[in-house]
Amino acid sequence: MFGLIKTMVRGLQKPEYKVVCKTERYEERCYLPAKWVSTTVKGISLEEGMSKGFRRLFRYISGENENNVKVEMTAPVTTWVEPGEGPNCESSFTVAFYIPSEHQANPPKPSSSLVFIEDRPQFSAYVTTFGGFASEKIWVQKAVELGDAIGDHSQFNDAQYFTAGYDPPFKPFGRTNEVWFVKRDLVVPGSSVDRVEQRSA
């Protein structure tokens, strides 16, 4: 917990991106290639999936890896949401931490088989930003609003999206949250297709 407070005060490393264009309601970003540490949770609730995934990844950065190395916390914590086929079906939530720059070339190998290193290629995303504490209802609402703002749904899959949270749960004010839709012309980082390609390589 102390480590989280310390990094919150001095600022967290974040993945690099370039803003391609910006409107009043969203911006398009191009994220550069980077490694993330990830885990996938199956379940009904987004909030429970995010919480369970976060705990697994926090153990990894706390030293649960092959070299017992402590890895700095970064931002944002992303969750790739792949909804189930119906209201009572399990969804897939892939929670991920950006690997800080000092470990990008050679991230410590996770000790847990449930945690894996994700090599995200360059990708473009439509992004909307909002504040406050985000519940599952708010995440979905913001995703719908972002889709409406973009308009041309042929450019992205509006059924699957990233949530991105930049703040620890104990920060009461000035919070930053985002929803990302990834452009269709790329393999979506964190998706089931992408994970199969990585593990078979």
C-alpha atoms as a PDB file:
ATOM      1  CA  MET A   1       0.000   0.000   0.000  1.00  0.00           C
ATOM      2  CA  PHE A   2       2.857   2.387   0.839  1.00  0.00           C
ATOM      3  CA  GLY A   3       4.306   1.801  -2.613  1.00  0.00           C
ATOM      4  CA  LEU A   4       1.040   2.838  -4.234  1.00  0.00           C
ATOM      5  CA  ILE A   5       0.897   6.046  -2.167  1.00  0.00           C
ATOM      6  CA  LYS A   6       4.507   6.873  -2.998  1.00  0.00           C
ATOM      7  CA  THR A   7       4.085   6.397  -6.751  1.00  0.00           C
ATOM      8  CA  MET A   8       0.801   8.338  -6.732  1.00  0.00           C
ATOM      9  CA  VAL A   9       2.592  11.325  -5.189  1.00  0.00           C
ATOM     10  CA  ARG A  10       5.542  11.378  -7.553  1.00  0.00           C
ATOM     11  CA  GLY A  11       3.672  10.335 -10.682  1.00  0.00           C
ATOM     12  CA  LEU A  12       3.326   7.051 -12.496  1.00  0.00           C
ATOM     13  CA  GLN A  13       4.880   5.910 -15.771  1.00  0.00           C
ATOM     14  CA  LYS A  14       2.362   5.698 -18.596  1.00  0.00           C
ATOM     15  CA  PRO A  15       2.415   4.140 -22.078  1.00  0.00           C
ATOM     16  CA  GLU A  16       3.460   6.437 -24.894  1.00  0.00           C
ATOM     17  CA  TYR A  17       0.930   7.633 -27.447  1.00  0.00           C
ATOM     18  CA  LYS A  18       0.397  10.370 -30.017  1.00  0.00           C
ATOM     19  CA  VAL A  19      -2.865  12.282 -30.409  1.00  0.00           C
ATOM     20  CA  VAL A  20      -3.997  11.898 -34.031  1.00  0.00           C
ATOM     21  CA  CYS A  21      -7.046  14.150 -33.757  1.00  0.00           C
ATOM     22  CA  LYS A  22      -9.258  15.634 -31.059  1.00  0.00           C
ATOM     23  CA  THR A  23     -12.908  16.662 -30.888  1.00  0.00           C
ATOM     24  CA  GLU A  24     -15.053  18.047 -28.080  1.00  0.00           C
ATOM     25  CA  ARG A  25     -16.206  14.529 -27.144  1.00  0.00           C
ATOM     26  CA  TYR A  26     -13.240  12.244 -27.811  1.00  0.00           C
ATOM     27  CA  GLU A  27      -9.736  11.994 -29.194  1.00  0.00           C
ATOM     28  CA  GLU A  28      -8.026   9.498 -31.444  1.00  0.00           C
ATOM     29  CA  ARG A  29      -4.694   8.217 -30.148  1.00  0.00           C
ATOM     30  CA  CYS A  30      -1.949   6.071 -31.606  1.00  0.00           C
ATOM     31  CA  TYR A  31      -0.345   3.940 -28.890  1.00  0.00           C
ATOM     32  CA  LEU A  32       3.231   2.820 -29.480  1.00  0.00           C
ATOM     33  CA  PRO A  33       4.244  -0.852 -29.118  1.00  0.00           C
ATOM     34  CA  ALA A  34       4.753  -1.865 -25.493  1.00  0.00           C
ATOM     35  CA  LYS A  35       4.708  -4.820 -23.116  1.00  0.00           C
ATOM     36  CA  TRP A  36       2.027  -5.183 -20.452  1.00  0.00           C
ATOM     37  CA  VAL A  37       1.524  -7.774 -17.726  1.00  0.00           C
ATOM     38  CA  SER A  38      -1.981  -9.217 -17.950  1.00  0.00           C
ATOM     39  CA  THR A  39      -4.448 -11.723 -16.567  1.00  0.00           C
ATOM     40  CA  THR A  40      -7.878 -12.842 -17.757  1.00  0.00           C
ATOM     41  CA  VAL A  41     -10.843 -13.301 -15.437  1.00  0.00           C
ATOM     42  CA  LYS A  42     -14.161 -14.882 -16.402  1.00  0.00           C
ATOM     43  CA  GLY A  43     -17.304 -13.703 -14.665  1.00  0.00           C
ATOM     44  CA  ILE A  44     -20.582 -11.800 -14.714  1.00  0.00           C
ATOM     45  CA  SER A  45     -19.479  -8.596 -12.981  1.00  0.00           C
ATOM     46  CA  LEU A  46     -16.975  -6.146 -14.460  1.00  0.00           C
ATOM     47  CA  GLU A  47     -16.158  -4.743 -11.031  1.00  0.00           C
ATOM     48  CA  GLU A  48     -15.434  -8.183  -9.575  1.00  0.00           C
ATOM     49  CA  GLY A  49     -13.348  -9.122 -12.616  1.00  0.00           C
ATOM     50  CA  MET A  50     -11.304  -5.925 -12.365  1.00  0.00           C
ATOM     51  CA  SER A  51     -10.761  -6.422  -8.623  1.00  0.00           C
ATOM     52  CA  LYS A  52      -9.688 -10.049  -8.960  1.00  0.00           C
ATOM     53  CA  GLY A  53      -7.405  -9.276 -11.887  1.00  0.00           C
ATOM     54  CA  PHE A  54      -5.843  -6.317 -10.066  1.00  0.00           C
ATOM     55  CA  ARG A  55      -4.971  -8.485  -7.058  1.00  0.00           C
ATOM     56  CA  ARG A  56      -3.225 -11.054  -9.271  1.00  0.00           C
ATOM     57  CA  LEU A  57      -1.177  -8.362 -11.012  1.00  0.00           C
ATOM     58  CA  PHE A  58      -0.355  -6.558  -7.787  1.00  0.00           C
ATOM     59  CA  ARG A  59       1.159  -9.785  -6.463  1.00  0.00           C
ATOM     60  CA  TYR A  60       3.271  -9.947  -9.644  1.00  0.00           C
ATOM     61  CA  ILE A  61       4.674  -6.408  -9.238  1.00  0.00           C
ATOM     62  CA  SER A  62       5.190  -7.063  -5.504  1.00  0.00           C
ATOM     63  CA  GLY A  63       7.679  -9.820  -6.359  1.00  0.00           C
ATOM     64  CA  GLU A  64       5.650 -12.872  -7.377  1.00  0.00           C
ATOM     65  CA  ASN A  65       7.843 -13.440 -10.441  1.00  0.00           C
ATOM     66  CA  GLU A  66      10.837 -15.598 -11.344  1.00  0.00           C
ATOM     67  CA  ASN A  67      13.423 -13.104 -10.043  1.00  0.00           C
ATOM     68  CA  ASN A  68      11.401 -11.912  -7.028  1.00  0.00           C
ATOM     69  CA  VAL A  69      11.740  -8.419  -8.482  1.00  0.00           C
ATOM     70  CA  LYS A  70       9.526  -5.585  -7.300  1.00  0.00           C
ATOM     71  CA  VAL A  71       8.132  -3.666 -10.266  1.00  0.00           C
ATOM     72  CA  GLU A  72       6.898  -0.080 -10.010  1.00  0.00           C
ATOM     73  CA  MET A  73       3.167   0.562 -10.330  1.00  0.00           C
ATOM     74  CA  THR A  74       2.150   2.304 -13.548  1.00  0.00           C
ATOM     75  CA  ALA A  75      -0.982   3.830 -15.060  1.00  0.00           C
ATOM     76  CA  PRO A  76      -3.485   3.215 -16.387  1.00  0.00           C
ATOM     77  CA  VAL A  77      -4.841  -0.146 -15.302  1.00  0.00           C
ATOM     78  CA  THR A  78      -6.667  -1.328 -18.410  1.00  0.00           C
ATOM     79  CA  THR A  79      -9.385  -3.942 -18.702  1.00  0.00           C
ATOM     80  CA  TRP A  80     -10.293  -5.408 -22.085  1.00  0.00           C
ATOM     81  CA  VAL A  81     -13.994  -6.237 -21.861  1.00  0.00           C
ATOM     82  CA  GLU A  82     -15.377  -9.046 -24.044  1.00  0.00           C
ATOM     83  CA  PRO A  83     -19.075  -9.343 -23.093  1.00  0.00           C
ATOM     84  CA  GLY A  84     -20.808 -12.724 -22.958  1.00  0.00           C
ATOM     85  CA  GLU A  85     -23.505 -13.662 -25.439  1.00  0.00           C
ATOM     86  CA  GLY A  86     -26.374 -12.990 -23.032  1.00  0.00           C
ATOM     87  CA  PRO A  87     -27.208 -11.196 -19.756  1.00  0.00           C
ATOM     88  CA  ASN A  88     -26.486 -14.276 -17.635  1.00  0.00           C
ATOM     89  CA  CYS A  89     -23.433 -15.454 -19.580  1.00  0.00           C
ATOM     90  CA  GLU A  90     -19.869 -15.027 -18.355  1.00  0.00           C
ATOM     91  CA  SER A  91     -17.835 -12.214 -19.863  1.00  0.00           C
ATOM     92  CA  SER A  92     -14.067 -12.100 -20.265  1.00  0.00           C
ATOM     93  CA  PHE A  93     -12.086  -9.341 -18.525  1.00  0.00           C
ATOM     94  CA  THR A  94      -8.369  -9.008 -19.314  1.00  0.00           C
ATOM     95  CA  VAL A  95      -6.799  -6.706 -16.735  1.00  0.00           C
ATOM     96  CA  ALA A  96      -3.331  -5.289 -17.493  1.00  0.00           C
ATOM     97  CA  PHE A  97      -0.556  -3.120 -16.042  1.00  0.00           C
ATOM     98  CA  TYR A  98       1.882  -1.312 -18.331  1.00  0.00           C
ATOM     99  CA  ILE A  99       5.434  -2.613 -17.797  1.00  0.00           C
ATOM    100  CA  PRO A 100       7.684   0.317 -16.764  1.00  0.00           C
ATOM    101  CA  SER A 101      10.484   1.368 -19.113  1.00  0.00           C
ATOM    102  CA  GLU A 102      13.301  -0.251 -17.110  1.00  0.00           C
ATOM    103  CA  HIS A 103      11.687  -3.679 -17.608  1.00  0.00           C
ATOM    104  CA  GLN A 104      10.294  -3.277 -21.136  1.00  0.00           C
ATOM    105  CA  ALA A 105      13.132  -5.138 -22.836  1.00  0.00           C
ATOM    106  CA  ASN A 106      13.044  -8.103 -20.451  1.00  0.00           C
ATOM    107  CA  PRO A 107      10.042  -8.201 -18.082  1.00  0.00           C
ATOM    108  CA  PRO A 108      10.295 -10.593 -15.129  1.00  0.00           C
ATOM    109  CA  LYS A 109       8.503 -13.847 -15.951  1.00  0.00           C
ATOM    110  CA  PRO A 110       5.323 -14.289 -13.881  1.00  0.00           C
ATOM    111  CA  SER A 111       5.326 -17.103 -11.327  1.00  0.00           C
ATOM    112  CA  SER A 112       1.574 -17.636 -11.689  1.00  0.00           C
ATOM    113  CA  SER A 113       0.255 -19.466 -14.748  1.00  0.00           C
ATOM    114  CA  LEU A 114      -2.735 -17.092 -14.650  1.00  0.00           C
ATOM    115  CA  VAL A 115      -0.521 -14.082 -15.395  1.00  0.00           C
ATOM    116  CA  PHE A 116       1.199 -13.491 -18.738  1.00  0.00           C
ATOM    117  CA  ILE A 117       3.299 -10.870 -20.520  1.00  0.00           C
ATOM    118  CA  GLU A 118       1.345  -9.239 -23.331  1.00  0.00           C
ATOM    119  CA  ASP A 119       3.283  -7.732 -26.241  1.00  0.00           C
ATOM    120  CA  ARG A 120       0.883  -5.114 -27.565  1.00  0.00           C
ATOM    121  CA  PRO A 121       1.589  -3.896 -31.084  1.00  0.00           C
ATOM    122  CA  GLN A 122       1.041  -0.311 -32.142  1.00  0.00           C
ATOM    123  CA  PHE A 123      -2.673   0.419 -32.223  1.00  0.00           C
ATOM    124  CA  SER A 124      -5.085   3.330 -32.608  1.00  0.00           C
ATOM    125  CA  ALA A 125      -7.985   3.983 -30.281  1.00  0.00           C
ATOM    126  CA  TYR A 126     -10.885   6.381 -29.862  1.00  0.00           C
ATOM    127  CA  VAL A 127     -10.820   7.641 -26.269  1.00  0.00           C
ATOM    128  CA  THR A 128     -13.255   9.446 -23.997  1.00  0.00           C
ATOM    129  CA  THR A 129     -12.182  10.766 -20.578  1.00  0.00           C
ATOM    130  CA  PHE A 130     -14.284  11.342 -17.470  1.00  0.00           C
ATOM    131  CA  GLY A 131     -13.854  11.796 -13.718  1.00  0.00           C
ATOM    132  CA  GLY A 132     -15.242  10.402 -10.496  1.00  0.00           C
ATOM    133  CA  PHE A 133     -15.619   6.823  -9.308  1.00  0.00           C
ATOM    134  CA  ALA A 134     -16.680   4.574 -12.204  1.00  0.00           C
ATOM    135  CA  SER A 135     -19.204   1.784 -11.626  1.00  0.00           C
ATOM    136  CA  GLU A 136     -20.042  -0.873 -14.209  1.00  0.00           C
ATOM    137  CA  LYS A 137     -23.148   1.109 -15.196  1.00  0.00           C
ATOM    138  CA  ILE A 138     -21.048   4.218 -15.820  1.00  0.00           C
ATOM    139  CA  TRP A 139     -18.416   2.326 -17.859  1.00  0.00           C
ATOM    140  CA  VAL A 140     -21.156   0.961 -20.128  1.00  0.00           C
ATOM    141  CA  GLN A 141     -22.847   4.357 -20.381  1.00  0.00           C
ATOM    142  CA  LYS A 142     -19.591   6.062 -21.376  1.00  0.00           C
ATOM    143  CA  ALA A 143     -18.905   3.351 -23.961  1.00  0.00           C
ATOM    144  CA  VAL A 144     -22.337   3.950 -25.510  1.00  0.00           C
ATOM    145  CA  GLU A 145     -21.762   7.717 -25.513  1.00  0.00           C
ATOM    146  CA  LEU A 146     -18.351   7.294 -27.145  1.00  0.00           C
ATOM    147  CA  GLY A 147     -19.833   5.100 -29.865  1.00  0.00           C
ATOM    148  CA  ASP A 148     -22.520   7.699 -30.540  1.00  0.00           C
ATOM    149  CA  ALA A 149     -19.902  10.474 -30.676  1.00  0.00           C
ATOM    150  CA  ILE A 150     -17.739   8.601 -33.204  1.00  0.00           C
ATOM    151  CA  GLY A 151     -20.769   7.753 -35.327  1.00  0.00           C
ATOM    152  CA  ASP A 152     -19.198   5.479 -37.931  1.00  0.00           C
ATOM    153  CA  HIS A 153     -19.384   2.092 -36.201  1.00  0.00           C
ATOM    154  CA  SER A 154     -17.620   0.370 -39.090  1.00  0.00           C
ATOM    155  CA  GLN A 155     -14.378   1.795 -37.679  1.00  0.00           C
ATOM    156  CA  PHE A 156     -14.491  -0.191 -34.410  1.00  0.00           C
ATOM    157  CA  ASN A 157     -16.249  -3.021 -32.574  1.00  0.00           C
ATOM    158  CA  ASP A 158     -18.661  -1.367 -30.146  1.00  0.00           C
ATOM    159  CA  ALA A 159     -19.289  -4.661 -28.306  1.00  0.00           C
ATOM    160  CA  GLN A 160     -15.711  -4.834 -26.986  1.00  0.00           C
ATOM    161  CA  TYR A 161     -13.735  -2.052 -25.352  1.00  0.00           C
ATOM    162  CA  PHE A 162     -11.052  -1.073 -22.870  1.00  0.00           C
ATOM    163  CA  THR A 163     -11.664   0.588 -19.539  1.00  0.00           C
ATOM    164  CA  ALA A 164      -8.675   2.561 -18.245  1.00  0.00           C
ATOM    165  CA  GLY A 165      -8.328   3.774 -14.666  1.00  0.00           C
ATOM    166  CA  TYR A 166      -5.482   6.045 -13.591  1.00  0.00           C
ATOM    167  CA  ASP A 167      -5.975   6.319  -9.825  1.00  0.00           C
ATOM    168  CA  PRO A 168      -5.826   4.105  -6.706  1.00  0.00           C
ATOM    169  CA  PRO A 169      -9.173   3.418  -5.009  1.00  0.00           C
ATOM    170  CA  PHE A 170      -8.355   5.627  -2.016  1.00  0.00           C
ATOM    171  CA  LYS A 171      -7.939   8.820  -4.100  1.00  0.00           C
ATOM    172  CA  PRO A 172     -11.164  10.798  -3.467  1.00  0.00           C
ATOM    173  CA  PHE A 173     -10.854  13.702  -5.937  1.00  0.00           C
ATOM    174  CA  GLY A 174      -9.414  14.517  -9.363  1.00  0.00           C
ATOM    175  CA  ARG A 175      -9.842  10.993 -10.664  1.00  0.00           C
ATOM    176  CA  THR A 176      -9.295  10.119 -14.341  1.00  0.00           C
ATOM    177  CA  ASN A 177     -11.055   7.303 -16.196  1.00  0.00           C
ATOM    178  CA  GLU A 178     -11.206   6.464 -19.900  1.00  0.00           C
ATOM    179  CA  VAL A 179     -13.021   4.197 -22.340  1.00  0.00           C
ATOM    180  CA  TRP A 180     -11.131   3.116 -25.465  1.00  0.00           C
ATOM    181  CA  PHE A 181     -12.525   1.682 -28.692  1.00  0.00           C
ATOM    182  CA  VAL A 182      -9.777   0.113 -30.821  1.00  0.00           C
ATOM    183  CA  LYS A 183      -9.844   0.631 -34.588  1.00  0.00           C
ATOM    184  CA  ARG A 184     -10.816  -2.464 -36.567  1.00  0.00           C
ATOM    185  CA  ASP A 185      -7.800  -2.551 -38.869  1.00  0.00           C
ATOM    186  CA  LEU A 186      -5.554  -3.940 -36.125  1.00  0.00           C
ATOM    187  CA  VAL A 187      -5.435  -7.090 -33.971  1.00  0.00           C
ATOM    188  CA  VAL A 188      -6.860  -5.891 -30.686  1.00  0.00           C
ATOM    189  CA  PRO A 189      -4.223  -6.116 -27.936  1.00  0.00           C
ATOM    190  CA  GLY A 190      -5.423  -8.269 -25.079  1.00  0.00           C
ATOM    191  CA  SER A 191      -8.110  -9.996 -27.146  1.00  0.00           C
ATOM    192  CA  SER A 192      -8.486 -13.767 -27.226  1.00  0.00           C
ATOM    193  CA  VAL A 193      -7.094 -13.817 -30.792  1.00  0.00           C
ATOM    194  CA  ASP A 194      -4.039 -11.846 -29.743  1.00  0.00           C
ATOM    195  CA  ARG A 195      -3.369 -14.086 -26.719  1.00  0.00           C
ATOM    196  CA  VAL A 196      -3.522 -17.239 -28.860  1.00  0.00           C
ATOM    197  CA  GLU A 197      -1.032 -15.745 -31.319  1.00  0.00           C
ATOM    198  CA  GLN A 198       1.365 -14.805 -28.511  1.00  0.00           C
ATOM    199  CA  ARG A 199       1.278 -18.195 -26.805  1.00  0.00           C
ATOM    200  CA  SER A 200       1.746 -20.118 -30.023  1.00  0.00           C
ATOM    201  CA  ALA A 201       4.725 -18.027 -31.084  1.00  0.00           C
END
